[in-house]
Amino acid sequence: MQVTIDKNSGYCFGVEFAIKMAEDEMENSDQLYCLGDIVHNDMEVKRLREKGLVVIDREQLQELNDCKVLIRAHGEPPETYKTAIKNNIELIDASCPVVLKLQHRVKTAFDKMERDNGQIVIYGKKGHAEVIGLTGQTLEKAIVVMEDADLEKIDFSRPVTLFSQTTKSTKGFYELSQKIEERIKAAKGELTALDFNANDSICRQVSNREPQLQKFAQENDVILFVSGKKSSNGKALYQVCLSENPRSYFVESETEVDPTWFHPQDRVGICGATSTPMWLMEQVKAHVESMEEKLLEA
């Protein structure tokens, strides 16, 4: 049995940067708070907790004073920074540069839409950490859409500016954009540049993984997709694998691997989300390789 880890899988730059900042800070501090899970992977959160990283929510942030709090790669709304100033909290800001740039673009577009009686629409998951940071740039007026039913929230007689959560599917974004265009045409009889402005704000480091994963899934007999169940990116990329290879399995760790999934001569590919640490994929690889002898005996 041949077992290979996808060289393109694992942390994106933003997540890697945030974890490095957390580890560096904990070398010099007894305790570091983190606003939300630093990454949507329970195994990595557990590893960092053991080093001294304490995960808190926004309500707990209100009660903290005179301490250090890490802002993870997803970014935060302006309200978080105001709370930090009020409570004398030192922020260790590990917001991804791609997310920060998008927040600025959304804020600029929102100011224009306010003048033009328009709407900001964000293609993303309501309640997702990054989306909370983006809607915060719009005084919570942005309309978050992910499914066709969500389109009912939009007034198609008014101008629309569309952005995307950075980790969403490129295909999904352009399908949504097309549907909004059609609805505007139906409502107004025509579509002009003033009516609709679609901004593909998906991170290319993330979106480029789709074609890479399609190829990887085709090259192997069995795919083990390693990801935390909370990861939106993980759920989307797993579906990419599954569409190319029906013998694709979603696992959080090696403990979920089932020996009945394999045959002795299989080529097994291990891959993961942008929130999946390489050490975890290597752990899964070692576990699968240790099962090989038993498969041959069977």
C-alpha atoms as a PDB file:
ATOM      1  CA  MET A   1       0.000   0.000   0.000  1.00  0.00           C
ATOM      2  CA  GLN A   2       1.365   3.387  -1.014  1.00  0.00           C
ATOM      3  CA  VAL A   3       0.486   6.318   1.285  1.00  0.00           C
ATOM      4  CA  THR A   4       1.083   9.921   0.147  1.00  0.00           C
ATOM      5  CA  ILE A   5       0.400  13.297   1.770  1.00  0.00           C
ATOM      6  CA  ASP A   6      -0.748  16.055  -0.589  1.00  0.00           C
ATOM      7  CA  LYS A   7       2.070  18.621  -0.659  1.00  0.00           C
ATOM      8  CA  ASN A   8      -0.425  21.453  -1.277  1.00  0.00           C
ATOM      9  CA  SER A   9      -2.537  20.704   1.816  1.00  0.00           C
ATOM     10  CA  GLY A  10      -2.164  22.164   5.274  1.00  0.00           C
ATOM     11  CA  TYR A  11      -2.125  25.651   6.699  1.00  0.00           C
ATOM     12  CA  CYS A  12      -2.601  28.682   4.513  1.00  0.00           C
ATOM     13  CA  PHE A  13      -0.271  31.625   5.162  1.00  0.00           C
ATOM     14  CA  GLY A  14      -2.750  33.421   7.452  1.00  0.00           C
ATOM     15  CA  VAL A  15      -3.287  30.488   9.811  1.00  0.00           C
ATOM     16  CA  GLU A  16       0.424  29.605   9.897  1.00  0.00           C
ATOM     17  CA  PHE A  17       1.241  33.232  10.745  1.00  0.00           C
ATOM     18  CA  ALA A  18      -1.334  33.342  13.581  1.00  0.00           C
ATOM     19  CA  ILE A  19      -0.095  30.124  15.183  1.00  0.00           C
ATOM     20  CA  LYS A  20       3.531  31.277  14.963  1.00  0.00           C
ATOM     21  CA  MET A  21       2.571  34.577  16.662  1.00  0.00           C
ATOM     22  CA  ALA A  22       0.753  32.681  19.422  1.00  0.00           C
ATOM     23  CA  GLU A  23       3.680  30.330  20.039  1.00  0.00           C
ATOM     24  CA  ASP A  24       6.211  33.189  20.062  1.00  0.00           C
ATOM     25  CA  GLU A  25       4.103  35.176  22.516  1.00  0.00           C
ATOM     26  CA  MET A  26       3.598  32.196  24.859  1.00  0.00           C
ATOM     27  CA  GLU A  27       7.360  31.739  25.135  1.00  0.00           C
ATOM     28  CA  ASN A  28       7.470  35.055  27.022  1.00  0.00           C
ATOM     29  CA  SER A  29       4.057  35.052  28.734  1.00  0.00           C
ATOM     30  CA  ASP A  30       2.496  32.832  31.381  1.00  0.00           C
ATOM     31  CA  GLN A  31      -0.874  33.115  29.694  1.00  0.00           C
ATOM     32  CA  LEU A  32      -2.294  34.343  26.409  1.00  0.00           C
ATOM     33  CA  TYR A  33      -6.003  34.682  25.632  1.00  0.00           C
ATOM     34  CA  CYS A  34      -7.345  33.993  22.152  1.00  0.00           C
ATOM     35  CA  LEU A  35     -10.671  35.364  20.952  1.00  0.00           C
ATOM     36  CA  GLY A  36     -12.276  32.213  19.544  1.00  0.00           C
ATOM     37  CA  ASP A  37     -10.523  29.036  18.373  1.00  0.00           C
ATOM     38  CA  ILE A  38      -7.257  30.068  16.707  1.00  0.00           C
ATOM     39  CA  VAL A  39      -7.989  27.513  13.990  1.00  0.00           C
ATOM     40  CA  HIS A  40     -10.993  25.291  13.265  1.00  0.00           C
ATOM     41  CA  ASN A  41      -9.179  22.141  14.287  1.00  0.00           C
ATOM     42  CA  ASP A  42      -9.754  20.693  17.765  1.00  0.00           C
ATOM     43  CA  MET A  43      -6.470  18.756  17.781  1.00  0.00           C
ATOM     44  CA  GLU A  44      -4.407  21.892  17.186  1.00  0.00           C
ATOM     45  CA  VAL A  45      -6.476  23.924  19.668  1.00  0.00           C
ATOM     46  CA  LYS A  46      -5.787  21.230  22.293  1.00  0.00           C
ATOM     47  CA  ARG A  47      -2.034  21.306  21.552  1.00  0.00           C
ATOM     48  CA  LEU A  48      -1.879  25.092  21.976  1.00  0.00           C
ATOM     49  CA  ARG A  49      -4.083  25.007  25.091  1.00  0.00           C
ATOM     50  CA  GLU A  50      -1.502  22.771  26.710  1.00  0.00           C
ATOM     51  CA  LYS A  51       1.100  25.469  25.969  1.00  0.00           C
ATOM     52  CA  GLY A  52      -0.987  28.141  27.717  1.00  0.00           C
ATOM     53  CA  LEU A  53      -3.431  29.494  25.132  1.00  0.00           C
ATOM     54  CA  VAL A  54      -6.838  30.214  26.694  1.00  0.00           C
ATOM     55  CA  VAL A  55      -9.785  30.446  24.296  1.00  0.00           C
ATOM     56  CA  ILE A  56     -12.436  33.035  25.196  1.00  0.00           C
ATOM     57  CA  ASP A  57     -15.604  34.354  23.561  1.00  0.00           C
ATOM     58  CA  ARG A  58     -16.755  37.941  23.057  1.00  0.00           C
ATOM     59  CA  GLU A  59     -18.729  38.039  26.305  1.00  0.00           C
ATOM     60  CA  GLN A  60     -15.654  36.978  28.279  1.00  0.00           C
ATOM     61  CA  LEU A  61     -13.601  39.648  26.493  1.00  0.00           C
ATOM     62  CA  GLN A  62     -15.842  42.316  28.025  1.00  0.00           C
ATOM     63  CA  GLU A  63     -14.828  41.122  31.513  1.00  0.00           C
ATOM     64  CA  LEU A  64     -11.053  41.028  30.923  1.00  0.00           C
ATOM     65  CA  ASN A  65      -8.662  43.820  31.882  1.00  0.00           C
ATOM     66  CA  ASP A  66      -4.890  44.443  31.736  1.00  0.00           C
ATOM     67  CA  CYS A  67      -3.979  41.318  29.750  1.00  0.00           C
ATOM     68  CA  LYS A  68      -2.977  40.132  26.277  1.00  0.00           C
ATOM     69  CA  VAL A  69      -5.476  38.825  23.732  1.00  0.00           C
ATOM     70  CA  LEU A  70      -4.652  37.307  20.353  1.00  0.00           C
ATOM     71  CA  ILE A  71      -6.805  38.169  17.355  1.00  0.00           C
ATOM     72  CA  ARG A  72      -6.751  35.177  15.026  1.00  0.00           C
ATOM     73  CA  ALA A  73      -6.399  35.151  11.227  1.00  0.00           C
ATOM     74  CA  HIS A  74     -10.166  35.601  10.639  1.00  0.00           C
ATOM     75  CA  GLY A  75     -10.004  39.242  11.754  1.00  0.00           C
ATOM     76  CA  GLU A  76     -12.350  41.164  14.061  1.00  0.00           C
ATOM     77  CA  PRO A  77     -14.968  43.941  13.808  1.00  0.00           C
ATOM     78  CA  PRO A  78     -14.189  47.492  15.031  1.00  0.00           C
ATOM     79  CA  GLU A  79     -16.091  46.831  18.274  1.00  0.00           C
ATOM     80  CA  THR A  80     -13.370  44.428  19.454  1.00  0.00           C
ATOM     81  CA  TYR A  81     -10.687  47.108  19.155  1.00  0.00           C
ATOM     82  CA  LYS A  82     -12.869  49.580  21.080  1.00  0.00           C
ATOM     83  CA  THR A  83     -13.294  47.048  23.898  1.00  0.00           C
ATOM     84  CA  ALA A  84      -9.529  46.505  24.040  1.00  0.00           C
ATOM     85  CA  ILE A  85      -8.858  50.238  24.451  1.00  0.00           C
ATOM     86  CA  LYS A  86     -11.549  50.559  27.132  1.00  0.00           C
ATOM     87  CA  ASN A  87     -10.269  47.554  29.142  1.00  0.00           C
ATOM     88  CA  ASN A  88      -6.539  48.217  28.704  1.00  0.00           C
ATOM     89  CA  ILE A  89      -6.076  44.990  26.740  1.00  0.00           C
ATOM     90  CA  GLU A  90      -2.979  44.548  24.589  1.00  0.00           C
ATOM     91  CA  LEU A  91      -4.018  42.992  21.298  1.00  0.00           C
ATOM     92  CA  ILE A  92      -1.668  40.601  19.521  1.00  0.00           C
ATOM     93  CA  ASP A  93      -3.149  41.107  16.068  1.00  0.00           C
ATOM     94  CA  ALA A  94      -2.652  38.066  13.828  1.00  0.00           C
ATOM     95  CA  SER A  95      -5.382  39.037  11.354  1.00  0.00           C
ATOM     96  CA  CYS A  96      -4.586  37.673   7.894  1.00  0.00           C
ATOM     97  CA  PRO A  97      -3.399  40.485   5.556  1.00  0.00           C
ATOM     98  CA  VAL A  98      -5.845  39.247   2.905  1.00  0.00           C
ATOM     99  CA  VAL A  99      -8.736  39.568   5.372  1.00  0.00           C
ATOM    100  CA  LEU A 100      -7.616  43.022   6.552  1.00  0.00           C
ATOM    101  CA  LYS A 101      -7.495  44.258   2.951  1.00  0.00           C
ATOM    102  CA  LEU A 102     -10.995  42.889   2.363  1.00  0.00           C
ATOM    103  CA  GLN A 103     -12.311  44.601   5.509  1.00  0.00           C
ATOM    104  CA  HIS A 104     -10.993  47.919   4.165  1.00  0.00           C
ATOM    105  CA  ARG A 105     -12.629  47.299   0.763  1.00  0.00           C
ATOM    106  CA  VAL A 106     -15.961  46.442   2.391  1.00  0.00           C
ATOM    107  CA  LYS A 107     -15.832  49.587   4.570  1.00  0.00           C
ATOM    108  CA  THR A 108     -15.062  51.804   1.550  1.00  0.00           C
ATOM    109  CA  ALA A 109     -17.838  50.199  -0.502  1.00  0.00           C
ATOM    110  CA  PHE A 110     -20.292  50.493   2.395  1.00  0.00           C
ATOM    111  CA  ASP A 111     -19.658  54.242   2.706  1.00  0.00           C
ATOM    112  CA  LYS A 112     -20.404  54.596  -1.020  1.00  0.00           C
ATOM    113  CA  MET A 113     -23.523  52.401  -0.831  1.00  0.00           C
ATOM    114  CA  GLU A 114     -24.838  54.518   2.051  1.00  0.00           C
ATOM    115  CA  ARG A 115     -24.600  57.590  -0.184  1.00  0.00           C
ATOM    116  CA  ASP A 116     -26.211  55.755  -3.136  1.00  0.00           C
ATOM    117  CA  ASN A 117     -29.001  54.039  -1.168  1.00  0.00           C
ATOM    118  CA  GLY A 118     -27.390  50.697  -2.000  1.00  0.00           C
ATOM    119  CA  GLN A 119     -26.667  47.414  -0.216  1.00  0.00           C
ATOM    120  CA  ILE A 120     -23.575  45.414   0.689  1.00  0.00           C
ATOM    121  CA  VAL A 121     -24.050  41.671   0.167  1.00  0.00           C
ATOM    122  CA  ILE A 122     -21.534  39.130   1.484  1.00  0.00           C
ATOM    123  CA  TYR A 123     -21.387  35.583   0.162  1.00  0.00           C
ATOM    124  CA  GLY A 124     -20.487  33.647   3.289  1.00  0.00           C
ATOM    125  CA  LYS A 125     -21.622  31.737   6.330  1.00  0.00           C
ATOM    126  CA  LYS A 126     -23.624  33.795   8.815  1.00  0.00           C
ATOM    127  CA  GLY A 127     -21.904  33.756  12.217  1.00  0.00           C
ATOM    128  CA  HIS A 128     -18.521  32.718  10.789  1.00  0.00           C
ATOM    129  CA  ALA A 129     -15.672  34.620  12.473  1.00  0.00           C
ATOM    130  CA  GLU A 130     -14.489  36.273   9.259  1.00  0.00           C
ATOM    131  CA  VAL A 131     -18.023  37.257   8.269  1.00  0.00           C
ATOM    132  CA  ILE A 132     -18.579  38.864  11.700  1.00  0.00           C
ATOM    133  CA  GLY A 133     -15.476  40.976  11.057  1.00  0.00           C
ATOM    134  CA  LEU A 134     -16.763  41.975   7.617  1.00  0.00           C
ATOM    135  CA  THR A 135     -20.315  42.851   8.672  1.00  0.00           C
ATOM    136  CA  GLY A 136     -18.794  44.919  11.482  1.00  0.00           C
ATOM    137  CA  GLN A 137     -17.399  47.255   8.802  1.00  0.00           C
ATOM    138  CA  THR A 138     -20.977  48.010   7.709  1.00  0.00           C
ATOM    139  CA  LEU A 139     -22.608  48.762  11.085  1.00  0.00           C
ATOM    140  CA  GLU A 140     -24.135  45.263  10.763  1.00  0.00           C
ATOM    141  CA  LYS A 141     -26.142  46.381   7.707  1.00  0.00           C
ATOM    142  CA  ALA A 142     -24.521  43.921   5.264  1.00  0.00           C
ATOM    143  CA  ILE A 143     -26.750  41.130   3.954  1.00  0.00           C
ATOM    144  CA  VAL A 144     -25.137  37.700   4.351  1.00  0.00           C
ATOM    145  CA  VAL A 145     -26.193  35.128   1.753  1.00  0.00           C
ATOM    146  CA  MET A 146     -25.218  31.527   1.149  1.00  0.00           C
ATOM    147  CA  GLU A 147     -28.282  29.800  -0.309  1.00  0.00           C
ATOM    148  CA  ASP A 148     -30.941  30.781  -2.841  1.00  0.00           C
ATOM    149  CA  ALA A 149     -33.460  31.431  -0.050  1.00  0.00           C
ATOM    150  CA  ASP A 150     -31.149  34.130   1.347  1.00  0.00           C
ATOM    151  CA  LEU A 151     -31.576  36.161  -1.862  1.00  0.00           C
ATOM    152  CA  GLU A 152     -35.035  37.158  -0.633  1.00  0.00           C
ATOM    153  CA  LYS A 153     -33.333  39.533   1.828  1.00  0.00           C
ATOM    154  CA  ILE A 154     -32.031  41.694  -1.052  1.00  0.00           C
ATOM    155  CA  ASP A 155     -33.983  44.612  -2.549  1.00  0.00           C
ATOM    156  CA  PHE A 156     -33.170  44.199  -6.251  1.00  0.00           C
ATOM    157  CA  SER A 157     -34.523  47.641  -7.122  1.00  0.00           C
ATOM    158  CA  ARG A 158     -31.545  49.187  -5.260  1.00  0.00           C
ATOM    159  CA  PRO A 159     -27.802  49.022  -6.108  1.00  0.00           C
ATOM    160  CA  VAL A 160     -25.929  45.931  -4.888  1.00  0.00           C
ATOM    161  CA  THR A 161     -22.214  45.508  -4.164  1.00  0.00           C
ATOM    162  CA  LEU A 162     -21.193  41.878  -3.642  1.00  0.00           C
ATOM    163  CA  PHE A 163     -18.137  40.507  -1.795  1.00  0.00           C
ATOM    164  CA  SER A 164     -17.190  37.010  -0.680  1.00  0.00           C
ATOM    165  CA  GLN A 165     -15.823  35.453   2.476  1.00  0.00           C
ATOM    166  CA  THR A 166     -12.214  34.647   1.498  1.00  0.00           C
ATOM    167  CA  THR A 167     -12.573  30.873   1.978  1.00  0.00           C
ATOM    168  CA  LYS A 168     -15.743  30.293  -0.058  1.00  0.00           C
ATOM    169  CA  SER A 169     -15.976  28.378  -3.331  1.00  0.00           C
ATOM    170  CA  THR A 170     -15.122  30.345  -6.490  1.00  0.00           C
ATOM    171  CA  LYS A 171     -17.755  28.372  -8.417  1.00  0.00           C
ATOM    172  CA  GLY A 172     -20.366  29.183  -5.761  1.00  0.00           C
ATOM    173  CA  PHE A 173     -19.498  32.890  -5.883  1.00  0.00           C
ATOM    174  CA  TYR A 174     -19.950  33.186  -9.646  1.00  0.00           C
ATOM    175  CA  GLU A 175     -23.189  31.181  -9.572  1.00  0.00           C
ATOM    176  CA  LEU A 176     -24.545  33.537  -6.898  1.00  0.00           C
ATOM    177  CA  SER A 177     -23.370  36.584  -8.847  1.00  0.00           C
ATOM    178  CA  GLN A 178     -25.252  35.327 -11.932  1.00  0.00           C
ATOM    179  CA  LYS A 179     -28.456  34.832  -9.929  1.00  0.00           C
ATOM    180  CA  ILE A 180     -28.257  38.377  -8.518  1.00  0.00           C
ATOM    181  CA  GLU A 181     -27.756  39.788 -12.015  1.00  0.00           C
ATOM    182  CA  GLU A 182     -30.838  37.929 -13.252  1.00  0.00           C
ATOM    183  CA  ARG A 183     -32.946  39.153 -10.317  1.00  0.00           C
ATOM    184  CA  ILE A 184     -31.895  42.772 -10.919  1.00  0.00           C
ATOM    185  CA  LYS A 185     -32.784  42.490 -14.617  1.00  0.00           C
ATOM    186  CA  ALA A 186     -36.175  41.042 -13.692  1.00  0.00           C
ATOM    187  CA  ALA A 187     -36.802  43.852 -11.191  1.00  0.00           C
ATOM    188  CA  LYS A 188     -35.531  46.784 -13.294  1.00  0.00           C
ATOM    189  CA  GLY A 189     -35.728  45.532 -16.854  1.00  0.00           C
ATOM    190  CA  GLU A 190     -31.994  46.126 -17.423  1.00  0.00           C
ATOM    191  CA  LEU A 191     -28.609  45.825 -15.717  1.00  0.00           C
ATOM    192  CA  THR A 192     -26.093  48.685 -15.604  1.00  0.00           C
ATOM    193  CA  ALA A 193     -22.718  49.112 -13.887  1.00  0.00           C
ATOM    194  CA  LEU A 194     -24.467  51.280 -11.281  1.00  0.00           C
ATOM    195  CA  ASP A 195     -26.897  48.479 -10.403  1.00  0.00           C
ATOM    196  CA  PHE A 196     -24.416  45.721  -9.561  1.00  0.00           C
ATOM    197  CA  ASN A 197     -20.741  45.458  -8.647  1.00  0.00           C
ATOM    198  CA  ALA A 198     -19.401  41.929  -7.996  1.00  0.00           C
ATOM    199  CA  ASN A 199     -16.030  41.647  -6.228  1.00  0.00           C
ATOM    200  CA  ASP A 200     -14.366  38.225  -6.266  1.00  0.00           C
ATOM    201  CA  SER A 201     -12.581  38.501  -2.894  1.00  0.00           C
ATOM    202  CA  ILE A 202     -11.798  34.791  -2.503  1.00  0.00           C
ATOM    203  CA  CYS A 203      -8.230  34.068  -1.399  1.00  0.00           C
ATOM    204  CA  ARG A 204      -6.368  32.502  -4.320  1.00  0.00           C
ATOM    205  CA  GLN A 205      -4.201  30.434  -1.985  1.00  0.00           C
ATOM    206  CA  VAL A 206      -7.475  28.788  -0.950  1.00  0.00           C
ATOM    207  CA  SER A 207      -9.295  28.667  -4.303  1.00  0.00           C
ATOM    208  CA  ASN A 208      -6.269  27.224  -6.141  1.00  0.00           C
ATOM    209  CA  ARG A 209      -6.494  24.172  -3.912  1.00  0.00           C
ATOM    210  CA  GLU A 210      -9.669  23.004  -5.634  1.00  0.00           C
ATOM    211  CA  PRO A 211      -8.064  22.046  -8.989  1.00  0.00           C
ATOM    212  CA  GLN A 212      -5.006  20.687  -7.138  1.00  0.00           C
ATOM    213  CA  LEU A 213      -7.228  18.498  -4.958  1.00  0.00           C
ATOM    214  CA  GLN A 214      -9.253  17.284  -7.946  1.00  0.00           C
ATOM    215  CA  LYS A 215      -6.053  15.975  -9.521  1.00  0.00           C
ATOM    216  CA  PHE A 216      -4.842  14.451  -6.236  1.00  0.00           C
ATOM    217  CA  ALA A 217      -8.186  12.686  -5.692  1.00  0.00           C
ATOM    218  CA  GLN A 218      -8.046  11.211  -9.196  1.00  0.00           C
ATOM    219  CA  GLU A 219      -4.474   9.922  -8.701  1.00  0.00           C
ATOM    220  CA  ASN A 220      -5.304   7.866  -5.592  1.00  0.00           C
ATOM    221  CA  ASP A 221      -7.627   4.918  -4.918  1.00  0.00           C
ATOM    222  CA  VAL A 222      -8.614   6.112  -1.428  1.00  0.00           C
ATOM    223  CA  ILE A 223      -8.649   9.666  -0.035  1.00  0.00           C
ATOM    224  CA  LEU A 224      -8.459  10.472   3.663  1.00  0.00           C
ATOM    225  CA  PHE A 225      -9.458  14.099   4.108  1.00  0.00           C
ATOM    226  CA  VAL A 226      -8.250  15.300   7.506  1.00  0.00           C
ATOM    227  CA  SER A 227     -10.053  18.315   8.951  1.00  0.00           C
ATOM    228  CA  GLY A 228     -11.887  19.670  11.962  1.00  0.00           C
ATOM    229  CA  LYS A 229     -15.657  19.393  11.670  1.00  0.00           C
ATOM    230  CA  LYS A 230     -16.005  23.148  12.375  1.00  0.00           C
ATOM    231  CA  SER A 231     -13.999  24.124   9.285  1.00  0.00           C
ATOM    232  CA  SER A 232     -16.118  25.609   6.466  1.00  0.00           C
ATOM    233  CA  ASN A 233     -13.117  25.331   4.169  1.00  0.00           C
ATOM    234  CA  GLY A 234     -12.721  21.680   5.175  1.00  0.00           C
ATOM    235  CA  LYS A 235     -16.327  20.819   4.335  1.00  0.00           C
ATOM    236  CA  ALA A 236     -16.039  22.504   0.921  1.00  0.00           C
ATOM    237  CA  LEU A 237     -12.708  20.891  -0.013  1.00  0.00           C
ATOM    238  CA  TYR A 238     -13.871  17.452   1.115  1.00  0.00           C
ATOM    239  CA  GLN A 239     -16.766  17.729  -1.343  1.00  0.00           C
ATOM    240  CA  VAL A 240     -14.213  18.470  -4.094  1.00  0.00           C
ATOM    241  CA  CYS A 241     -12.459  15.175  -3.264  1.00  0.00           C
ATOM    242  CA  LEU A 242     -15.713  13.229  -3.007  1.00  0.00           C
ATOM    243  CA  SER A 243     -16.913  14.476  -6.407  1.00  0.00           C
ATOM    244  CA  GLU A 244     -13.740  13.067  -8.006  1.00  0.00           C
ATOM    245  CA  ASN A 245     -13.312   9.933  -5.881  1.00  0.00           C
ATOM    246  CA  PRO A 246     -16.243   8.137  -4.178  1.00  0.00           C
ATOM    247  CA  ARG A 247     -13.781   6.402  -1.831  1.00  0.00           C
ATOM    248  CA  SER A 248     -13.086   9.674  -0.009  1.00  0.00           C
ATOM    249  CA  TYR A 249     -13.468   9.772   3.780  1.00  0.00           C
ATOM    250  CA  PHE A 250     -13.600  12.732   6.173  1.00  0.00           C
ATOM    251  CA  VAL A 251     -11.689  12.153   9.444  1.00  0.00           C
ATOM    252  CA  GLU A 252     -10.677  14.425  12.317  1.00  0.00           C
ATOM    253  CA  SER A 253      -7.811  12.176  13.411  1.00  0.00           C
ATOM    254  CA  GLU A 254      -6.316   8.703  12.940  1.00  0.00           C
ATOM    255  CA  THR A 255      -8.757   7.278  15.513  1.00  0.00           C
ATOM    256  CA  GLU A 256     -11.590   7.599  12.962  1.00  0.00           C
ATOM    257  CA  VAL A 257      -9.814   5.621  10.224  1.00  0.00           C
ATOM    258  CA  ASP A 258     -11.609   2.342   9.411  1.00  0.00           C
ATOM    259  CA  PRO A 259      -9.448  -0.573   8.116  1.00  0.00           C
ATOM    260  CA  THR A 260     -12.336  -1.807   5.949  1.00  0.00           C
ATOM    261  CA  TRP A 261     -11.852   1.230   3.677  1.00  0.00           C
ATOM    262  CA  PHE A 262      -8.624  -0.199   2.233  1.00  0.00           C
ATOM    263  CA  HIS A 263      -7.296  -2.997   0.033  1.00  0.00           C
ATOM    264  CA  PRO A 264      -3.624  -4.086   0.211  1.00  0.00           C
ATOM    265  CA  GLN A 265      -2.728  -2.661  -3.227  1.00  0.00           C
ATOM    266  CA  ASP A 266      -4.462   0.713  -2.754  1.00  0.00           C
ATOM    267  CA  ARG A 267      -2.803   4.065  -3.333  1.00  0.00           C
ATOM    268  CA  VAL A 268      -3.928   6.129  -0.341  1.00  0.00           C
ATOM    269  CA  GLY A 269      -3.865   9.926  -0.510  1.00  0.00           C
ATOM    270  CA  ILE A 270      -3.975  12.067   2.642  1.00  0.00           C
ATOM    271  CA  CYS A 271      -4.972  15.720   2.347  1.00  0.00           C
ATOM    272  CA  GLY A 272      -6.635  18.429   4.417  1.00  0.00           C
ATOM    273  CA  ALA A 273      -8.062  21.915   4.818  1.00  0.00           C
ATOM    274  CA  THR A 274      -6.268  25.236   5.235  1.00  0.00           C
ATOM    275  CA  SER A 275      -6.827  24.689   8.977  1.00  0.00           C
ATOM    276  CA  THR A 276      -5.257  21.201   9.083  1.00  0.00           C
ATOM    277  CA  PRO A 277      -1.765  20.977  10.633  1.00  0.00           C
ATOM    278  CA  MET A 278       0.854  18.946   8.774  1.00  0.00           C
ATOM    279  CA  TRP A 279       1.740  17.040  11.967  1.00  0.00           C
ATOM    280  CA  LEU A 280      -1.814  15.686  12.090  1.00  0.00           C
ATOM    281  CA  MET A 281      -1.724  14.462   8.471  1.00  0.00           C
ATOM    282  CA  GLU A 282       1.634  12.800   9.193  1.00  0.00           C
ATOM    283  CA  GLN A 283       0.058  11.104  12.231  1.00  0.00           C
ATOM    284  CA  VAL A 284      -2.749   9.744  10.045  1.00  0.00           C
ATOM    285  CA  LYS A 285      -0.184   8.551   7.464  1.00  0.00           C
ATOM    286  CA  ALA A 286       1.801   6.650  10.117  1.00  0.00           C
ATOM    287  CA  HIS A 287      -1.382   5.030  11.399  1.00  0.00           C
ATOM    288  CA  VAL A 288      -2.453   3.858   7.922  1.00  0.00           C
ATOM    289  CA  GLU A 289       1.018   2.456   7.231  1.00  0.00           C
ATOM    290  CA  SER A 290       0.907   0.539  10.516  1.00  0.00           C
ATOM    291  CA  MET A 291      -2.296  -1.178   9.344  1.00  0.00           C
ATOM    292  CA  GLU A 292      -0.737  -2.523   6.143  1.00  0.00           C
ATOM    293  CA  GLU A 293       0.550  -5.777   7.622  1.00  0.00           C
ATOM    294  CA  LYS A 294      -2.887  -6.659   9.020  1.00  0.00           C
ATOM    295  CA  LEU A 295      -4.493  -5.961   5.613  1.00  0.00           C
ATOM    296  CA  LEU A 296      -2.043  -8.315   3.902  1.00  0.00           C
ATOM    297  CA  GLU A 297      -2.803 -11.047   6.468  1.00  0.00           C
ATOM    298  CA  ALA A 298      -6.511 -10.604   5.879  1.00  0.00           C
END
